[in-house]
């Protein structure tokens, strides 16, 4: 069972670290870059990203942290590593609440709204601002949650090694 626990921790930490970095890069590089472009170009670029993002690599980064942390928690409990298990389960809960719920409740509906509108050139700036400001604010939360989930899972792995 130990090799499975090590694999769950390793893959979970990798997915969580990449997830935190992914969301961070959107908050602090991609969205500001899009915002510096003409609004029509920013809207077109965001639509293109949203249309092509669902790849196996993205799915591992986006969906992987929670089930891998959950698996690590279950395995740690089975091995009698109670504190490590609780920390791993905390990591899964943080990720689900702060990344998955926020994405499905806020960011994806914002994306769908942006995709549905075809603004006239004179309206594009207002449409982009109305989209980008809340999308980025909520993405900051996803960044913080993915980072916190990574840290909780790292603490769980360290605790498991100590127990």
Protein backbone atom coordinates (compact mmCIF):
# COMPACT_ATOMS: atom_id res chain seq x y z
CA UNK A 1 0.00 0.00 0.00
CA UNK A 2 2.95 2.35 0.61
CA UNK A 3 3.87 2.54 -3.11
CA UNK A 4 0.28 3.55 -3.90
CA UNK A 5 0.37 6.24 -1.19
CA UNK A 6 3.65 7.59 -2.51
CA UNK A 7 2.25 7.64 -6.06
CA UNK A 8 -0.95 9.39 -4.92
CA UNK A 9 1.06 12.03 -3.09
CA UNK A 10 3.51 12.52 -5.96
CA UNK A 11 0.87 12.80 -8.67
CA UNK A 12 -1.42 14.88 -6.46
CA UNK A 13 1.37 17.31 -5.62
CA UNK A 14 2.35 17.56 -9.27
CA UNK A 15 -1.24 18.24 -10.39
CA UNK A 16 -1.84 20.74 -7.58
CA UNK A 17 1.41 22.61 -8.25
CA UNK A 18 0.68 22.82 -11.96
CA UNK A 19 -2.89 23.90 -11.21
CA UNK A 20 -1.74 26.71 -8.92
CA UNK A 21 0.77 27.83 -11.53
CA UNK A 22 -1.82 27.65 -14.29
CA UNK A 23 -4.28 29.86 -12.43
CA UNK A 24 -1.49 32.21 -11.29
CA UNK A 25 -0.32 32.71 -14.87
CA UNK A 26 -3.83 33.60 -15.97
CA UNK A 27 -4.28 36.13 -13.18
CA UNK A 28 -0.92 37.83 -13.50
CA UNK A 29 0.17 37.44 -17.12
CA UNK A 30 -2.54 36.27 -19.52
CA UNK A 31 -5.45 38.46 -18.45
CA UNK A 32 -3.31 41.61 -18.11
CA UNK A 33 -1.87 40.84 -21.54
CA UNK A 34 -5.30 40.38 -23.06
CA UNK A 35 -6.37 43.60 -21.33
CA UNK A 36 -3.55 45.50 -23.00
CA UNK A 37 -4.76 44.37 -26.43
CA UNK A 38 -7.71 45.87 -28.26
CA UNK A 39 -10.94 44.54 -26.73
CA UNK A 40 -11.99 42.79 -29.94
CA UNK A 41 -8.69 40.88 -29.94
CA UNK A 42 -8.97 40.03 -26.24
CA UNK A 43 -12.48 38.67 -26.71
CA UNK A 44 -11.42 36.62 -29.73
CA UNK A 45 -8.36 35.25 -27.91
CA UNK A 46 -10.36 34.29 -24.83
CA UNK A 47 -12.95 32.54 -26.96
CA UNK A 48 -10.20 30.63 -28.77
CA UNK A 49 -8.60 29.53 -25.51
CA UNK A 50 -11.94 28.44 -24.05
CA UNK A 51 -12.76 26.47 -27.20
CA UNK A 52 -9.48 24.55 -27.18
CA UNK A 53 -8.60 24.09 -23.52
CA UNK A 54 -10.21 20.71 -22.86
CA UNK A 55 -7.19 18.50 -23.47
CA UNK A 56 -5.94 15.47 -21.48
CA UNK A 57 -3.09 17.53 -20.03
CA UNK A 58 -5.43 20.26 -18.88
CA UNK A 59 -7.85 17.71 -17.41
CA UNK A 60 -5.05 16.21 -15.30
CA UNK A 61 -4.08 19.65 -14.02
CA UNK A 62 -7.66 20.83 -13.46
CA UNK A 63 -9.39 17.66 -12.25
CA UNK A 64 -6.46 15.67 -10.83
CA UNK A 65 -5.66 17.38 -7.52
CA UNK A 66 -8.92 16.60 -5.69
CA UNK A 67 -9.25 12.86 -6.41
CA UNK A 68 -5.53 12.29 -5.94
CA UNK A 69 -5.59 14.08 -2.58
CA UNK A 70 -8.70 12.09 -1.65
CA UNK A 71 -6.96 8.85 -2.63
CA UNK A 72 -3.91 9.81 -0.57
CA UNK A 73 -6.20 10.55 2.38
CA UNK A 74 -8.01 7.22 2.14
CA UNK A 75 -4.74 5.30 1.81
CA UNK A 76 -3.19 7.20 4.70
CA UNK A 77 -6.21 6.40 6.89
CA UNK A 78 -5.95 2.73 5.90
CA UNK A 79 -2.29 2.78 6.94
CA UNK A 80 -3.09 4.39 10.30
CA UNK A 81 -1.61 7.78 9.36
CA UNK A 82 -4.47 9.81 10.78
CA UNK A 83 -2.97 13.32 10.73
CA UNK A 84 -1.59 12.86 7.23
CA UNK A 85 -4.97 11.57 6.09
CA UNK A 86 -6.81 14.55 7.54
CA UNK A 87 -4.42 16.98 5.86
CA UNK A 88 -4.84 15.21 2.51
CA UNK A 89 -8.63 15.31 2.87
CA UNK A 90 -8.38 19.00 3.74
CA UNK A 91 -6.40 19.53 0.53
CA UNK A 92 -9.14 17.80 -1.48
CA UNK A 93 -11.86 19.87 0.18
CA UNK A 94 -10.03 23.15 -0.40
CA UNK A 95 -9.50 22.29 -4.06
CA UNK A 96 -13.10 21.25 -4.63
CA UNK A 97 -14.54 24.34 -2.93
CA UNK A 98 -12.06 26.92 -4.15
CA UNK A 99 -11.32 25.68 -7.65
CA UNK A 100 -13.98 23.31 -8.95
CA UNK A 101 -17.04 24.97 -7.41
CA UNK A 102 -15.83 28.46 -8.35
CA UNK A 103 -15.03 27.35 -11.90
CA UNK A 104 -18.41 25.74 -12.49
CA UNK A 105 -20.43 28.38 -10.63
CA UNK A 106 -18.68 31.53 -11.87
CA UNK A 107 -15.91 31.27 -14.45
CA UNK A 108 -17.62 28.89 -16.88
CA UNK A 109 -20.88 30.89 -16.90
CA UNK A 110 -18.83 34.04 -17.55
CA UNK A 111 -17.11 32.23 -20.42
CA UNK A 112 -20.46 31.14 -21.84
CA UNK A 113 -21.75 34.70 -21.62
CA UNK A 114 -18.71 36.03 -23.45
CA UNK A 115 -19.11 33.40 -26.12
CA UNK A 116 -22.79 34.25 -26.61
CA UNK A 117 -22.34 37.98 -27.16
CA UNK A 118 -21.24 39.52 -30.44
CA UNK A 119 -20.56 43.13 -29.50
CA UNK A 120 -20.33 45.92 -32.01
CA UNK A 121 -16.83 47.43 -32.11
CA UNK A 122 -18.08 50.40 -30.12
CA UNK A 123 -19.30 48.07 -27.34
CA UNK A 124 -16.32 45.70 -27.19
CA UNK A 125 -14.41 47.65 -24.51
CA UNK A 126 -17.38 47.62 -22.15
CA UNK A 127 -18.07 43.93 -22.82
CA UNK A 128 -14.44 43.00 -22.16
CA UNK A 129 -14.25 45.04 -18.93
CA UNK A 130 -17.53 43.56 -17.66
CA UNK A 131 -16.15 40.07 -18.32
CA UNK A 132 -12.47 40.40 -17.41
CA UNK A 133 -12.83 42.11 -14.03
CA UNK A 134 -15.02 39.48 -12.33
CA UNK A 135 -13.38 36.58 -14.19
CA UNK A 136 -9.94 37.65 -12.98
CA UNK A 137 -11.10 38.35 -9.42
CA UNK A 138 -12.57 34.87 -9.14
CA UNK A 139 -9.46 33.43 -10.78
CA UNK A 140 -7.40 35.01 -7.98
CA UNK A 141 -9.50 32.93 -5.59
CA UNK A 142 -8.84 29.79 -7.66
CA UNK A 143 -5.13 30.60 -7.56
CA UNK A 144 -5.19 30.93 -3.77
CA UNK A 145 -7.26 27.75 -3.34
CA UNK A 146 -5.03 25.67 -5.62
CA UNK A 147 -1.98 26.97 -3.76
CA UNK A 148 -3.55 26.19 -0.37
CA UNK A 149 -4.50 22.71 -1.58
CA UNK A 150 -0.92 22.12 -2.71
CA UNK A 151 0.42 23.27 0.66
CA UNK A 152 -2.03 21.08 2.59
CA UNK A 153 -1.14 18.07 0.46
CA UNK A 154 2.58 18.78 0.89
CA UNK A 155 2.04 18.97 4.67
CA UNK A 156 0.20 15.65 4.47
CA UNK A 157 3.09 14.02 2.62
CA UNK A 158 5.60 15.35 5.14
CA UNK A 159 3.40 14.18 8.03
CA UNK A 160 3.02 10.74 6.44
CA UNK A 161 6.80 10.43 6.22
CA UNK A 162 7.06 11.34 9.93
CA UNK A 163 4.32 8.97 11.08
